[in-house]
Amino acid sequence: MDRPDKPRLLNRLNRIEGQVRGIGRMIEEDRYCIDVLTQIQAVRAALAKVETEMLRDHLGHCIESAIVSGDREEQRKKAAELIQLLDRAR
């Protein structure tokens, strides 16, 4: 899929990657546990934002396209994919 927000999402992921490397350095330096945990929470929150953007895009394009197409098999397939994804998150 062609994503107009691709550069922005990649930029966010690159920042997250840097944060994760920073956490590794913090652990190597025996930094205070709460400081490390705070950074881990920040990474999780940043990943959740990327996930939300991807989900929003999937709903707004892929699932909407399946609905508009009228193709019941494609609609079922997209719904099943989404249900499977949400089930794995538990």
Protein backbone atom coordinates (compact mmCIF):
# COMPACT_ATOMS: atom_id res chain seq x y z
CA MET A 1 0.00 0.00 0.00
CA ASP A 2 1.20 3.50 -0.80
CA ARG A 3 1.37 5.44 2.47
CA PRO A 4 1.60 9.23 2.39
CA ASP A 5 2.62 9.20 6.07
CA LYS A 6 5.39 6.64 5.52
CA PRO A 7 8.27 9.10 6.16
CA ARG A 8 6.66 10.25 9.40
CA LEU A 9 6.10 6.68 10.63
CA LEU A 10 9.65 5.70 9.72
CA ASN A 11 10.96 8.76 11.56
CA ARG A 12 9.00 7.74 14.65
CA LEU A 13 10.32 4.20 14.44
CA ASN A 14 13.89 5.47 14.08
CA ARG A 15 13.43 7.56 17.22
CA ILE A 16 12.05 4.52 19.04
CA GLU A 17 15.05 2.50 17.90
CA GLY A 18 17.32 5.16 19.37
CA GLN A 19 15.37 5.08 22.62
CA VAL A 20 15.77 1.31 22.84
CA ARG A 21 19.53 1.59 22.28
CA GLY A 22 19.58 4.24 25.01
CA ILE A 23 17.84 1.84 27.38
CA GLY A 24 20.53 -0.73 26.65
CA ARG A 25 23.20 1.82 27.55
CA MET A 26 21.34 2.70 30.73
CA ILE A 27 21.36 -0.95 31.77
CA GLU A 28 25.06 -1.28 30.90
CA GLU A 29 25.75 1.78 33.07
CA ASP A 30 23.73 0.34 35.98
CA ARG A 31 21.34 3.29 35.96
CA TYR A 32 18.56 3.58 38.52
CA CYS A 33 15.79 1.04 37.87
CA ILE A 34 12.98 3.60 37.88
CA ASP A 35 14.79 5.66 35.24
CA VAL A 36 15.15 2.59 33.03
CA LEU A 37 11.53 1.59 33.59
CA THR A 38 10.40 5.12 32.75
CA GLN A 39 12.21 4.90 29.42
CA ILE A 40 10.72 1.46 28.73
CA GLN A 41 7.25 2.90 29.30
CA ALA A 42 8.06 5.76 26.92
CA VAL A 43 9.07 3.27 24.21
CA ARG A 44 5.89 1.24 24.74
CA ALA A 45 3.79 4.40 24.47
CA ALA A 46 5.60 5.47 21.30
CA LEU A 47 5.06 2.03 19.73
CA ALA A 48 1.39 2.18 20.71
CA LYS A 49 1.07 5.47 18.82
CA VAL A 50 2.60 3.93 15.70
CA GLU A 51 0.29 0.95 16.09
CA THR A 52 -2.72 3.24 16.38
CA GLU A 53 -1.73 5.10 13.21
CA MET A 54 -1.31 1.84 11.32
CA LEU A 55 -4.66 0.54 12.58
CA ARG A 56 -6.39 3.79 11.68
CA ASP A 57 -4.92 3.59 8.18
CA HIS A 58 -5.95 -0.06 7.81
CA LEU A 59 -9.51 0.75 8.83
CA GLY A 60 -9.66 3.83 6.63
CA HIS A 61 -8.27 2.19 3.52
CA CYS A 62 -8.14 -1.60 3.47
CA ILE A 63 -11.34 -2.35 5.34
CA GLU A 64 -13.21 0.57 3.80
CA SER A 65 -12.18 -0.62 0.33
CA ALA A 66 -13.48 -4.11 1.09
CA ILE A 67 -16.81 -2.67 2.24
CA VAL A 68 -17.17 -0.36 -0.74
CA SER A 69 -16.24 -3.16 -3.18
CA GLY A 70 -19.26 -5.19 -2.10
CA ASP A 71 -17.10 -8.33 -2.22
CA ARG A 72 -18.40 -10.32 0.74
CA GLU A 73 -15.45 -12.72 0.72
CA GLU A 74 -12.97 -9.82 0.89
CA GLN A 75 -15.04 -8.22 3.67
CA ARG A 76 -14.97 -11.45 5.67
CA LYS A 77 -11.24 -11.83 5.06
CA LYS A 78 -10.47 -8.28 6.29
CA ALA A 79 -12.73 -8.70 9.33
CA ALA A 80 -11.09 -12.03 10.19
CA GLU A 81 -7.61 -10.49 9.90
CA LEU A 82 -8.58 -7.70 12.27
CA ILE A 83 -10.15 -10.07 14.78
CA GLN A 84 -7.06 -12.30 14.68
CA LEU A 85 -4.82 -9.27 15.25
CA LEU A 86 -6.86 -8.05 18.21
CA ASP A 87 -7.01 -11.55 19.68
CA ARG A 88 -3.20 -11.81 19.62
CA ALA A 89 -2.98 -8.58 21.62
CA ARG A 90 -4.58 -10.23 24.64
